[in-house]
Amino acid sequence: MDNTDATPTTGERAAFEAGIKFGTLYHQFAGTPVSPDNASSLERAIEESIENQPHCAAVSVDILNERLDAAIDHGYTELTGEFMEVEVVVDYEGTEVVTSMQMEDGYPLMRVDAVRRDE
């Protein structure tokens, strides 16, 4: 017996959109060669790329240079979640979803931090 409502809420759709943005962000840019010399330009490139997607209100990427410095071998390292703090804000039909990425047990987890609805 299926007791689920087949119609997703606006908040669920907004959260889904945020998930799409994070999936694109992480899997498009993971593995990119990065060093402190190009970190700020890479931050901007990631932000501008993801902001192009529908319903994306804001993206903030902070590449953690101290962690980068500690990991660099031969002048650069590959970008992974451990080197980034990311926030993505989606606005879908008056519902804003704020999401972030943080490391948990060595794995980059994306999470919904807040859901705000226009009143």
PDB file of N, CA and C in Angstrom:
ATOM      1  N   MET A   1       0.838  -1.166   0.000  1.00  0.00           N
ATOM      2  CA  MET A   1       0.000   0.000   0.000  1.00  0.00           C
ATOM      3  C   MET A   1       0.892   1.241   0.000  1.00  0.00           C
ATOM      4  N   ASP A   2       0.615   2.192  -0.887  1.00  0.00           N
ATOM      5  CA  ASP A   2       1.406   3.413  -1.027  1.00  0.00           C
ATOM      6  C   ASP A   2       0.629   4.592  -0.453  1.00  0.00           C
ATOM      7  N   ASN A   3       1.118   5.145   0.652  1.00  0.00           N
ATOM      8  CA  ASN A   3       0.459   6.274   1.310  1.00  0.00           C
ATOM      9  C   ASN A   3       1.166   7.603   1.045  1.00  0.00           C
ATOM     10  N   THR A   4       2.032   7.653   0.049  1.00  0.00           N
ATOM     11  CA  THR A   4       2.772   8.882  -0.205  1.00  0.00           C
ATOM     12  C   THR A   4       1.996   9.793  -1.136  1.00  0.00           C
ATOM     13  N   ASP A   5       2.201  11.076  -0.946  1.00  0.00           N
ATOM     14  CA  ASP A   5       1.638  12.089  -1.831  1.00  0.00           C
ATOM     15  C   ASP A   5       2.571  12.198  -3.034  1.00  0.00           C
ATOM     16  N   ALA A   6       2.053  12.050  -4.219  1.00  0.00           N
ATOM     17  CA  ALA A   6       2.880  12.051  -5.421  1.00  0.00           C
ATOM     18  C   ALA A   6       3.336  13.441  -5.829  1.00  0.00           C
ATOM     19  N   THR A   7       2.774  14.482  -5.272  1.00  0.00           N
ATOM     20  CA  THR A   7       3.132  15.842  -5.657  1.00  0.00           C
ATOM     21  C   THR A   7       4.132  16.414  -4.661  1.00  0.00           C
ATOM     22  N   PRO A   8       5.365  16.704  -5.115  1.00  0.00           N
ATOM     23  CA  PRO A   8       6.348  17.273  -4.197  1.00  0.00           C
ATOM     24  C   PRO A   8       5.969  18.704  -3.803  1.00  0.00           C
ATOM     25  N   THR A   9       6.338  19.086  -2.599  1.00  0.00           N
ATOM     26  CA  THR A   9       6.095  20.453  -2.139  1.00  0.00           C
ATOM     27  C   THR A   9       7.082  21.394  -2.821  1.00  0.00           C
ATOM     28  N   THR A  10       6.809  22.683  -2.728  1.00  0.00           N
ATOM     29  CA  THR A  10       7.734  23.676  -3.271  1.00  0.00           C
ATOM     30  C   THR A  10       9.081  23.577  -2.572  1.00  0.00           C
ATOM     31  N   GLY A  11       9.069  23.356  -1.259  1.00  0.00           N
ATOM     32  CA  GLY A  11      10.315  23.197  -0.516  1.00  0.00           C
ATOM     33  C   GLY A  11      11.107  21.983  -0.964  1.00  0.00           C
ATOM     34  N   GLU A  12      10.420  20.883  -1.226  1.00  0.00           N
ATOM     35  CA  GLU A  12      11.091  19.683  -1.718  1.00  0.00           C
ATOM     36  C   GLU A  12      11.687  19.922  -3.105  1.00  0.00           C
ATOM     37  N   ARG A  13      10.976  20.641  -3.934  1.00  0.00           N
ATOM     38  CA  ARG A  13      11.512  20.959  -5.271  1.00  0.00           C
ATOM     39  C   ARG A  13      12.720  21.872  -5.168  1.00  0.00           C
ATOM     40  N   ALA A  14      12.657  22.845  -4.247  1.00  0.00           N
ATOM     41  CA  ALA A  14      13.793  23.749  -4.043  1.00  0.00           C
ATOM     42  C   ALA A  14      15.003  22.970  -3.529  1.00  0.00           C
ATOM     43  N   ALA A  15      14.787  22.048  -2.601  1.00  0.00           N
ATOM     44  CA  ALA A  15      15.882  21.231  -2.077  1.00  0.00           C
ATOM     45  C   ALA A  15      16.461  20.343  -3.177  1.00  0.00           C
ATOM     46  N   PHE A  16      15.616  19.802  -4.034  1.00  0.00           N
ATOM     47  CA  PHE A  16      16.088  18.999  -5.161  1.00  0.00           C
ATOM     48  C   PHE A  16      16.974  19.844  -6.078  1.00  0.00           C
ATOM     49  N   GLU A  17      16.526  21.071  -6.379  1.00  0.00           N
ATOM     50  CA  GLU A  17      17.321  21.978  -7.215  1.00  0.00           C
ATOM     51  C   GLU A  17      18.682  22.241  -6.585  1.00  0.00           C
ATOM     52  N   ALA A  18      18.712  22.429  -5.273  1.00  0.00           N
ATOM     53  CA  ALA A  18      19.984  22.651  -4.584  1.00  0.00           C
ATOM     54  C   ALA A  18      20.881  21.421  -4.720  1.00  0.00           C
ATOM     55  N   GLY A  19      20.304  20.244  -4.628  1.00  0.00           N
ATOM     56  CA  GLY A  19      21.071  19.016  -4.802  1.00  0.00           C
ATOM     57  C   GLY A  19      21.692  18.917  -6.185  1.00  0.00           C
ATOM     58  N   ILE A  20      20.942  19.339  -7.187  1.00  0.00           N
ATOM     59  CA  ILE A  20      21.466  19.345  -8.555  1.00  0.00           C
ATOM     60  C   ILE A  20      22.671  20.279  -8.646  1.00  0.00           C
ATOM     61  N   LYS A  21      22.550  21.459  -8.039  1.00  0.00           N
ATOM     62  CA  LYS A  21      23.658  22.426  -8.074  1.00  0.00           C
ATOM     63  C   LYS A  21      24.900  21.843  -7.417  1.00  0.00           C
ATOM     64  N   PHE A  22      24.723  21.211  -6.246  1.00  0.00           N
ATOM     65  CA  PHE A  22      25.868  20.644  -5.546  1.00  0.00           C
ATOM     66  C   PHE A  22      26.474  19.477  -6.303  1.00  0.00           C
ATOM     67  N   GLY A  23      25.642  18.631  -6.886  1.00  0.00           N
ATOM     68  CA  GLY A  23      26.173  17.521  -7.669  1.00  0.00           C
ATOM     69  C   GLY A  23      27.009  18.021  -8.835  1.00  0.00           C
ATOM     70  N   THR A  24      26.516  19.041  -9.511  1.00  0.00           N
ATOM     71  CA  THR A  24      27.256  19.633 -10.616  1.00  0.00           C
ATOM     72  C   THR A  24      28.554  20.245 -10.119  1.00  0.00           C
ATOM     73  N   LEU A  25      28.457  21.033  -9.060  1.00  0.00           N
ATOM     74  CA  LEU A  25      29.628  21.718  -8.523  1.00  0.00           C
ATOM     75  C   LEU A  25      30.712  20.718  -8.157  1.00  0.00           C
ATOM     76  N   TYR A  26      30.347  19.728  -7.385  1.00  0.00           N
ATOM     77  CA  TYR A  26      31.367  18.810  -6.887  1.00  0.00           C
ATOM     78  C   TYR A  26      31.958  17.963  -8.004  1.00  0.00           C
ATOM     79  N   HIS A  27      31.111  17.362  -8.815  1.00  0.00           N
ATOM     80  CA  HIS A  27      31.614  16.417  -9.799  1.00  0.00           C
ATOM     81  C   HIS A  27      32.212  17.090 -11.023  1.00  0.00           C
ATOM     82  N   GLN A  28      31.880  18.333 -11.257  1.00  0.00           N
ATOM     83  CA  GLN A  28      32.515  19.058 -12.353  1.00  0.00           C
ATOM     84  C   GLN A  28      33.909  19.528 -11.958  1.00  0.00           C
ATOM     85  N   PHE A  29      34.091  19.942 -10.705  1.00  0.00           N
ATOM     86  CA  PHE A  29      35.344  20.568 -10.310  1.00  0.00           C
ATOM     87  C   PHE A  29      36.265  19.693  -9.473  1.00  0.00           C
ATOM     88  N   ALA A  30      35.792  18.601  -8.900  1.00  0.00           N
ATOM     89  CA  ALA A  30      36.676  17.703  -8.145  1.00  0.00           C
ATOM     90  C   ALA A  30      37.753  17.183  -9.085  1.00  0.00           C
ATOM     91  N   GLY A  31      38.966  17.226  -8.632  1.00  0.00           N
ATOM     92  CA  GLY A  31      40.095  16.781  -9.443  1.00  0.00           C
ATOM     93  C   GLY A  31      40.797  17.897 -10.178  1.00  0.00           C
ATOM     94  N   THR A  32      40.237  19.104 -10.149  1.00  0.00           N
ATOM     95  CA  THR A  32      40.879  20.241 -10.807  1.00  0.00           C
ATOM     96  C   THR A  32      42.203  20.553 -10.115  1.00  0.00           C
ATOM     97  N   PRO A  33      43.286  20.720 -10.867  1.00  0.00           N
ATOM     98  CA  PRO A  33      44.543  21.112 -10.237  1.00  0.00           C
ATOM     99  C   PRO A  33      44.382  22.486  -9.569  1.00  0.00           C
ATOM    100  N   VAL A  34      44.822  22.601  -8.309  1.00  0.00           N
ATOM    101  CA  VAL A  34      44.648  23.844  -7.564  1.00  0.00           C
ATOM    102  C   VAL A  34      45.872  24.099  -6.696  1.00  0.00           C
ATOM    103  N   SER A  35      46.211  25.369  -6.584  1.00  0.00           N
ATOM    104  CA  SER A  35      47.283  25.818  -5.696  1.00  0.00           C
ATOM    105  C   SER A  35      46.843  27.158  -5.120  1.00  0.00           C
ATOM    106  N   PRO A  36      47.529  27.653  -4.104  1.00  0.00           N
ATOM    107  CA  PRO A  36      47.161  28.976  -3.582  1.00  0.00           C
ATOM    108  C   PRO A  36      47.201  30.071  -4.655  1.00  0.00           C
ATOM    109  N   ASP A  37      48.035  29.896  -5.677  1.00  0.00           N
ATOM    110  CA  ASP A  37      48.135  30.909  -6.735  1.00  0.00           C
ATOM    111  C   ASP A  37      46.883  31.009  -7.594  1.00  0.00           C
ATOM    112  N   ASN A  38      46.146  29.912  -7.776  1.00  0.00           N
ATOM    113  CA  ASN A  38      44.953  29.974  -8.620  1.00  0.00           C
ATOM    114  C   ASN A  38      43.660  29.746  -7.848  1.00  0.00           C
ATOM    115  N   ALA A  39      43.739  29.611  -6.525  1.00  0.00           N
ATOM    116  CA  ALA A  39      42.545  29.301  -5.728  1.00  0.00           C
ATOM    117  C   ALA A  39      41.454  30.358  -5.869  1.00  0.00           C
ATOM    118  N   SER A  40      41.802  31.637  -5.811  1.00  0.00           N
ATOM    119  CA  SER A  40      40.747  32.662  -5.870  1.00  0.00           C
ATOM    120  C   SER A  40      40.081  32.705  -7.241  1.00  0.00           C
ATOM    121  N   SER A  41      40.837  32.505  -8.313  1.00  0.00           N
ATOM    122  CA  SER A  41      40.209  32.502  -9.642  1.00  0.00           C
ATOM    123  C   SER A  41      39.352  31.251  -9.818  1.00  0.00           C
ATOM    124  N   LEU A  42      39.758  30.133  -9.218  1.00  0.00           N
ATOM    125  CA  LEU A  42      38.951  28.917  -9.281  1.00  0.00           C
ATOM    126  C   LEU A  42      37.665  29.085  -8.478  1.00  0.00           C
ATOM    127  N   GLU A  43      37.743  29.735  -7.313  1.00  0.00           N
ATOM    128  CA  GLU A  43      36.535  30.029  -6.526  1.00  0.00           C
ATOM    129  C   GLU A  43      35.521  30.790  -7.377  1.00  0.00           C
ATOM    130  N   ARG A  44      35.990  31.849  -8.037  1.00  0.00           N
ATOM    131  CA  ARG A  44      35.086  32.662  -8.875  1.00  0.00           C
ATOM    132  C   ARG A  44      34.535  31.857 -10.041  1.00  0.00           C
ATOM    133  N   ALA A  45      35.359  31.044 -10.665  1.00  0.00           N
ATOM    134  CA  ALA A  45      34.891  30.242 -11.797  1.00  0.00           C
ATOM    135  C   ALA A  45      33.800  29.266 -11.364  1.00  0.00           C
ATOM    136  N   ILE A  46      33.986  28.628 -10.213  1.00  0.00           N
ATOM    137  CA  ILE A  46      32.983  27.692  -9.705  1.00  0.00           C
ATOM    138  C   ILE A  46      31.689  28.439  -9.408  1.00  0.00           C
ATOM    139  N   GLU A  47      31.799  29.557  -8.687  1.00  0.00           N
ATOM    140  CA  GLU A  47      30.610  30.339  -8.336  1.00  0.00           C
ATOM    141  C   GLU A  47      29.834  30.772  -9.582  1.00  0.00           C
ATOM    142  N   GLU A  48      30.553  31.357 -10.539  1.00  0.00           N
ATOM    143  CA  GLU A  48      29.893  31.859 -11.747  1.00  0.00           C
ATOM    144  C   GLU A  48      29.284  30.731 -12.571  1.00  0.00           C
ATOM    145  N   SER A  49      29.934  29.595 -12.608  1.00  0.00           N
ATOM    146  CA  SER A  49      29.409  28.456 -13.355  1.00  0.00           C
ATOM    147  C   SER A  49      28.094  27.968 -12.756  1.00  0.00           C
ATOM    148  N   ILE A  50      28.068  27.773 -11.450  1.00  0.00           N
ATOM    149  CA  ILE A  50      26.874  27.237 -10.790  1.00  0.00           C
ATOM    150  C   ILE A  50      25.754  28.270 -10.775  1.00  0.00           C
ATOM    151  N   GLU A  51      26.087  29.547 -10.629  1.00  0.00           N
ATOM    152  CA  GLU A  51      25.058  30.594 -10.617  1.00  0.00           C
ATOM    153  C   GLU A  51      24.304  30.688 -11.933  1.00  0.00           C
ATOM    154  N   ASN A  52      24.861  30.155 -13.009  1.00  0.00           N
ATOM    155  CA  ASN A  52      24.170  30.152 -14.304  1.00  0.00           C
ATOM    156  C   ASN A  52      22.961  29.235 -14.327  1.00  0.00           C
ATOM    157  N   GLN A  53      22.896  28.274 -13.419  1.00  0.00           N
ATOM    158  CA  GLN A  53      21.831  27.284 -13.440  1.00  0.00           C
ATOM    159  C   GLN A  53      20.502  27.882 -12.965  1.00  0.00           C
ATOM    160  N   PRO A  54      19.402  27.367 -13.470  1.00  0.00           N
ATOM    161  CA  PRO A  54      18.077  27.878 -13.087  1.00  0.00           C
ATOM    162  C   PRO A  54      17.860  27.827 -11.575  1.00  0.00           C
ATOM    163  N   HIS A  55      17.209  28.841 -11.053  1.00  0.00           N
ATOM    164  CA  HIS A  55      16.792  28.961  -9.654  1.00  0.00           C
ATOM    165  C   HIS A  55      17.936  29.182  -8.676  1.00  0.00           C
ATOM    166  N   CYS A  56      19.149  29.321  -9.151  1.00  0.00           N
ATOM    167  CA  CYS A  56      20.285  29.538  -8.261  1.00  0.00           C
ATOM    168  C   CYS A  56      20.355  31.013  -7.897  1.00  0.00           C
ATOM    169  N   ALA A  57      20.208  31.309  -6.609  1.00  0.00           N
ATOM    170  CA  ALA A  57      20.228  32.703  -6.148  1.00  0.00           C
ATOM    171  C   ALA A  57      21.632  33.153  -5.765  1.00  0.00           C
ATOM    172  N   ALA A  58      22.439  32.269  -5.204  1.00  0.00           N
ATOM    173  CA  ALA A  58      23.785  32.647  -4.781  1.00  0.00           C
ATOM    174  C   ALA A  58      24.638  31.404  -4.562  1.00  0.00           C
ATOM    175  N   VAL A  59      25.936  31.569  -4.801  1.00  0.00           N
ATOM    176  CA  VAL A  59      26.902  30.515  -4.533  1.00  0.00           C
ATOM    177  C   VAL A  59      28.125  31.174  -3.906  1.00  0.00           C
ATOM    178  N   SER A  60      28.621  30.579  -2.838  1.00  0.00           N
ATOM    179  CA  SER A  60      29.828  31.067  -2.184  1.00  0.00           C
ATOM    180  C   SER A  60      30.791  29.895  -2.044  1.00  0.00           C
ATOM    181  N   VAL A  61      31.978  30.045  -2.626  1.00  0.00           N
ATOM    182  CA  VAL A  61      33.001  29.005  -2.548  1.00  0.00           C
ATOM    183  C   VAL A  61      34.234  29.612  -1.899  1.00  0.00           C
ATOM    184  N   ASP A  62      34.713  28.961  -0.862  1.00  0.00           N
ATOM    185  CA  ASP A  62      35.936  29.379  -0.185  1.00  0.00           C
ATOM    186  C   ASP A  62      36.897  28.206  -0.202  1.00  0.00           C
ATOM    187  N   ILE A  63      37.969  28.337  -0.976  1.00  0.00           N
ATOM    188  CA  ILE A  63      38.997  27.305  -0.996  1.00  0.00           C
ATOM    189  C   ILE A  63      39.943  27.594   0.167  1.00  0.00           C
ATOM    190  N   LEU A  64      40.142  26.608   0.991  1.00  0.00           N
ATOM    191  CA  LEU A  64      40.879  26.761   2.250  1.00  0.00           C
ATOM    192  C   LEU A  64      42.384  26.646   2.004  1.00  0.00           C
ATOM    193  N   ASN A  65      43.029  27.796   1.855  1.00  0.00           N
ATOM    194  CA  ASN A  65      44.443  27.829   1.484  1.00  0.00           C
ATOM    195  C   ASN A  65      45.363  27.150   2.487  1.00  0.00           C
ATOM    196  N   GLU A  66      45.061  27.227   3.771  1.00  0.00           N
ATOM    197  CA  GLU A  66      45.920  26.574   4.760  1.00  0.00           C
ATOM    198  C   GLU A  66      45.927  25.058   4.556  1.00  0.00           C
ATOM    199  N   ARG A  67      44.754  24.502   4.272  1.00  0.00           N
ATOM    200  CA  ARG A  67      44.684  23.057   4.005  1.00  0.00           C
ATOM    201  C   ARG A  67      45.380  22.714   2.693  1.00  0.00           C
ATOM    202  N   LEU A  68      45.207  23.604   1.706  1.00  0.00           N
ATOM    203  CA  LEU A  68      45.882  23.397   0.418  1.00  0.00           C
ATOM    204  C   LEU A  68      47.388  23.345   0.609  1.00  0.00           C
ATOM    205  N   ASP A  69      47.930  24.342   1.314  1.00  0.00           N
ATOM    206  CA  ASP A  69      49.379  24.405   1.535  1.00  0.00           C
ATOM    207  C   ASP A  69      49.907  23.119   2.148  1.00  0.00           C
ATOM    208  N   ALA A  70      49.156  22.571   3.101  1.00  0.00           N
ATOM    209  CA  ALA A  70      49.599  21.356   3.786  1.00  0.00           C
ATOM    210  C   ALA A  70      49.567  20.133   2.867  1.00  0.00           C
ATOM    211  N   ALA A  71      48.746  20.170   1.841  1.00  0.00           N
ATOM    212  CA  ALA A  71      48.576  19.001   0.974  1.00  0.00           C
ATOM    213  C   ALA A  71      49.365  19.074  -0.325  1.00  0.00           C
ATOM    214  N   ILE A  72      49.928  20.220  -0.613  1.00  0.00           N
ATOM    215  CA  ILE A  72      50.578  20.403  -1.915  1.00  0.00           C
ATOM    216  C   ILE A  72      51.846  19.571  -2.037  1.00  0.00           C
ATOM    217  N   ASP A  73      51.905  18.895  -3.173  1.00  0.00           N
ATOM    218  CA  ASP A  73      53.067  18.100  -3.537  1.00  0.00           C
ATOM    219  C   ASP A  73      53.359  18.432  -4.999  1.00  0.00           C
ATOM    220  N   HIS A  74      54.533  18.864  -5.304  1.00  0.00           N
ATOM    221  CA  HIS A  74      54.920  19.220  -6.674  1.00  0.00           C
ATOM    222  C   HIS A  74      54.201  20.471  -7.181  1.00  0.00           C
ATOM    223  N   GLY A  75      53.892  21.416  -6.309  1.00  0.00           N
ATOM    224  CA  GLY A  75      53.358  22.708  -6.734  1.00  0.00           C
ATOM    225  C   GLY A  75      51.847  22.834  -6.761  1.00  0.00           C
ATOM    226  N   TYR A  76      51.115  21.723  -6.697  1.00  0.00           N
ATOM    227  CA  TYR A  76      49.647  21.793  -6.698  1.00  0.00           C
ATOM    228  C   TYR A  76      49.089  20.516  -6.100  1.00  0.00           C
ATOM    229  N   THR A  77      47.776  20.525  -5.891  1.00  0.00           N
ATOM    230  CA  THR A  77      47.067  19.323  -5.496  1.00  0.00           C
ATOM    231  C   THR A  77      45.749  19.302  -6.247  1.00  0.00           C
ATOM    232  N   GLU A  78      44.992  18.253  -6.112  1.00  0.00           N
ATOM    233  CA  GLU A  78      43.689  18.174  -6.756  1.00  0.00           C
ATOM    234  C   GLU A  78      42.612  18.676  -5.812  1.00  0.00           C
ATOM    235  N   LEU A  79      41.680  19.438  -6.351  1.00  0.00           N
ATOM    236  CA  LEU A  79      40.583  19.976  -5.556  1.00  0.00           C
ATOM    237  C   LEU A  79      39.657  18.849  -5.112  1.00  0.00           C
ATOM    238  N   THR A  80      39.376  18.814  -3.812  1.00  0.00           N
ATOM    239  CA  THR A  80      38.402  17.890  -3.247  1.00  0.00           C
ATOM    240  C   THR A  80      37.592  18.651  -2.199  1.00  0.00           C
ATOM    241  N   GLY A  81      36.591  18.008  -1.669  1.00  0.00           N
ATOM    242  CA  GLY A  81      35.738  18.637  -0.672  1.00  0.00           C
ATOM    243  C   GLY A  81      36.469  19.080   0.574  1.00  0.00           C
ATOM    244  N   GLU A  82      37.564  18.412   0.914  1.00  0.00           N
ATOM    245  CA  GLU A  82      38.290  18.786   2.130  1.00  0.00           C
ATOM    246  C   GLU A  82      38.917  20.172   2.021  1.00  0.00           C
ATOM    247  N   PHE A  83      39.035  20.711   0.824  1.00  0.00           N
ATOM    248  CA  PHE A  83      39.661  22.015   0.630  1.00  0.00           C
ATOM    249  C   PHE A  83      38.653  23.135   0.408  1.00  0.00           C
ATOM    250  N   MET A  84      37.353  22.838   0.518  1.00  0.00           N
ATOM    251  CA  MET A  84      36.340  23.851   0.197  1.00  0.00           C
ATOM    252  C   MET A  84      35.304  23.996   1.295  1.00  0.00           C
ATOM    253  N   GLU A  85      34.846  25.228   1.458  1.00  0.00           N
ATOM    254  CA  GLU A  85      33.608  25.516   2.178  1.00  0.00           C
ATOM    255  C   GLU A  85      32.682  26.126   1.147  1.00  0.00           C
ATOM    256  N   VAL A  86      31.497  25.571   1.015  1.00  0.00           N
ATOM    257  CA  VAL A  86      30.584  25.978  -0.047  1.00  0.00           C
ATOM    258  C   VAL A  86      29.190  26.203   0.523  1.00  0.00           C
ATOM    259  N   GLU A  87      28.539  27.264   0.035  1.00  0.00           N
ATOM    260  CA  GLU A  87      27.130  27.495   0.333  1.00  0.00           C
ATOM    261  C   GLU A  87      26.416  27.769  -0.983  1.00  0.00           C
ATOM    262  N   VAL A  88      25.276  27.138  -1.167  1.00  0.00           N
ATOM    263  CA  VAL A  88      24.445  27.341  -2.349  1.00  0.00           C
ATOM    264  C   VAL A  88      23.051  27.731  -1.870  1.00  0.00           C
ATOM    265  N   VAL A  89      22.521  28.809  -2.466  1.00  0.00           N
ATOM    266  CA  VAL A  89      21.169  29.265  -2.145  1.00  0.00           C
ATOM    267  C   VAL A  89      20.330  29.153  -3.405  1.00  0.00           C
ATOM    268  N   VAL A  90      19.197  28.462  -3.271  1.00  0.00           N
ATOM    269  CA  VAL A  90      18.256  28.289  -4.377  1.00  0.00           C
ATOM    270  C   VAL A  90      16.960  28.994  -4.011  1.00  0.00           C
ATOM    271  N   ASP A  91      16.403  29.697  -4.976  1.00  0.00           N
ATOM    272  CA  ASP A  91      15.092  30.328  -4.792  1.00  0.00           C
ATOM    273  C   ASP A  91      14.159  29.714  -5.833  1.00  0.00           C
ATOM    274  N   TYR A  92      13.212  28.919  -5.357  1.00  0.00           N
ATOM    275  CA  TYR A  92      12.283  28.233  -6.250  1.00  0.00           C
ATOM    276  C   TYR A  92      10.868  28.642  -5.874  1.00  0.00           C
ATOM    277  N   GLU A  93      10.243  29.415  -6.734  1.00  0.00           N
ATOM    278  CA  GLU A  93       8.847  29.844  -6.567  1.00  0.00           C
ATOM    279  C   GLU A  93       8.566  30.385  -5.163  1.00  0.00           C
ATOM    280  N   GLY A  94       9.451  31.273  -4.696  1.00  0.00           N
ATOM    281  CA  GLY A  94       9.244  31.916  -3.407  1.00  0.00           C
ATOM    282  C   GLY A  94       9.733  31.132  -2.204  1.00  0.00           C
ATOM    283  N   THR A  95      10.330  29.982  -2.425  1.00  0.00           N
ATOM    284  CA  THR A  95      10.929  29.218  -1.338  1.00  0.00           C
ATOM    285  C   THR A  95      12.434  29.220  -1.536  1.00  0.00           C
ATOM    286  N   GLU A  96      13.131  29.680  -0.504  1.00  0.00           N
ATOM    287  CA  GLU A  96      14.581  29.745  -0.551  1.00  0.00           C
ATOM    288  C   GLU A  96      15.155  28.612   0.290  1.00  0.00           C
ATOM    289  N   VAL A  97      16.087  27.882  -0.302  1.00  0.00           N
ATOM    290  CA  VAL A  97      16.764  26.802   0.397  1.00  0.00           C
ATOM    291  C   VAL A  97      18.244  27.166   0.476  1.00  0.00           C
ATOM    292  N   VAL A  98      18.767  27.138   1.702  1.00  0.00           N
ATOM    293  CA  VAL A  98      20.188  27.407   1.937  1.00  0.00           C
ATOM    294  C   VAL A  98      20.851  26.073   2.234  1.00  0.00           C
ATOM    295  N   THR A  99      21.891  25.760   1.460  1.00  0.00           N
ATOM    296  CA  THR A  99      22.579  24.479   1.602  1.00  0.00           C
ATOM    297  C   THR A  99      24.070  24.717   1.761  1.00  0.00           C
ATOM    298  N   SER A 100      24.755  23.728   2.331  1.00  0.00           N
ATOM    299  CA  SER A 100      26.200  23.854   2.493  1.00  0.00           C
ATOM    300  C   SER A 100      26.845  22.477   2.371  1.00  0.00           C
ATOM    301  N   MET A 101      28.152  22.518   2.245  1.00  0.00           N
ATOM    302  CA  MET A 101      28.923  21.288   2.188  1.00  0.00           C
ATOM    303  C   MET A 101      29.955  21.330   3.296  1.00  0.00           C
ATOM    304  N   GLN A 102      30.097  20.215   4.004  1.00  0.00           N
ATOM    305  CA  GLN A 102      31.141  20.108   5.010  1.00  0.00           C
ATOM    306  C   GLN A 102      31.599  18.659   5.092  1.00  0.00           C
ATOM    307  N   MET A 103      32.817  18.506   5.529  1.00  0.00           N
ATOM    308  CA  MET A 103      33.385  17.161   5.649  1.00  0.00           C
ATOM    309  C   MET A 103      32.813  16.487   6.886  1.00  0.00           C
ATOM    310  N   GLU A 104      32.471  15.220   6.730  1.00  0.00           N
ATOM    311  CA  GLU A 104      32.011  14.413   7.847  1.00  0.00           C
ATOM    312  C   GLU A 104      32.606  13.019   7.682  1.00  0.00           C
ATOM    313  N   ASP A 105      33.408  12.613   8.637  1.00  0.00           N
ATOM    314  CA  ASP A 105      34.093  11.322   8.585  1.00  0.00           C
ATOM    315  C   ASP A 105      34.875  11.142   7.287  1.00  0.00           C
ATOM    316  N   GLY A 106      35.533  12.222   6.837  1.00  0.00           N
ATOM    317  CA  GLY A 106      36.361  12.160   5.640  1.00  0.00           C
ATOM    318  C   GLY A 106      35.607  12.204   4.326  1.00  0.00           C
ATOM    319  N   TYR A 107      34.327  12.501   4.372  1.00  0.00           N
ATOM    320  CA  TYR A 107      33.492  12.520   3.161  1.00  0.00           C
ATOM    321  C   TYR A 107      32.773  13.866   3.057  1.00  0.00           C
ATOM    322  N   PRO A 108      32.741  14.479   1.869  1.00  0.00           N
ATOM    323  CA  PRO A 108      32.047  15.767   1.729  1.00  0.00           C
ATOM    324  C   PRO A 108      30.533  15.564   1.666  1.00  0.00           C
ATOM    325  N   LEU A 109      29.848  15.988   2.707  1.00  0.00           N
ATOM    326  CA  LEU A 109      28.397  15.853   2.749  1.00  0.00           C
ATOM    327  C   LEU A 109      27.731  17.189   2.488  1.00  0.00           C
ATOM    328  N   MET A 110      26.707  17.164   1.641  1.00  0.00           N
ATOM    329  CA  MET A 110      25.914  18.345   1.354  1.00  0.00           C
ATOM    330  C   MET A 110      24.669  18.266   2.222  1.00  0.00           C
ATOM    331  N   ARG A 111      24.273  19.419   2.774  1.00  0.00           N
ATOM    332  CA  ARG A 111      23.121  19.411   3.679  1.00  0.00           C
ATOM    333  C   ARG A 111      22.255  20.636   3.462  1.00  0.00           C
ATOM    334  N   VAL A 112      20.984  20.481   3.802  1.00  0.00           N
ATOM    335  CA  VAL A 112      20.042  21.604   3.795  1.00  0.00           C
ATOM    336  C   VAL A 112      20.144  22.259   5.166  1.00  0.00           C
ATOM    337  N   ASP A 113      20.500  23.553   5.188  1.00  0.00           N
ATOM    338  CA  ASP A 113      20.653  24.286   6.439  1.00  0.00           C
ATOM    339  C   ASP A 113      19.398  25.055   6.821  1.00  0.00           C
ATOM    340  N   ALA A 114      18.667  25.542   5.824  1.00  0.00           N
ATOM    341  CA  ALA A 114      17.470  26.332   6.115  1.00  0.00           C
ATOM    342  C   ALA A 114      16.535  26.312   4.918  1.00  0.00           C
ATOM    343  N   VAL A 115      15.244  26.399   5.216  1.00  0.00           N
ATOM    344  CA  VAL A 115      14.199  26.552   4.200  1.00  0.00           C
ATOM    345  C   VAL A 115      13.371  27.742   4.621  1.00  0.00           C
ATOM    346  N   ARG A 116      13.302  28.744   3.747  1.00  0.00           N
ATOM    347  CA  ARG A 116      12.547  29.969   4.047  1.00  0.00           C
ATOM    348  C   ARG A 116      11.504  30.184   2.975  1.00  0.00           C
ATOM    349  N   ARG A 117      10.282  30.453   3.394  1.00  0.00           N
ATOM    350  CA  ARG A 117       9.182  30.678   2.446  1.00  0.00           C
ATOM    351  C   ARG A 117       8.720  32.120   2.523  1.00  0.00           C
ATOM    352  N   ASP A 118       8.408  32.683   1.360  1.00  0.00           N
ATOM    353  CA  ASP A 118       7.792  34.015   1.326  1.00  0.00           C
ATOM    354  C   ASP A 118       6.459  33.933   2.041  1.00  0.00           C
ATOM    355  N   GLU A 119       6.200  34.865   2.885  1.00  0.00           N
ATOM    356  CA  GLU A 119       4.911  34.888   3.619  1.00  0.00           C
ATOM    357  C   GLU A 119       3.962  35.851   2.948  1.00  0.00           C
TER     358      GLU A 119
END
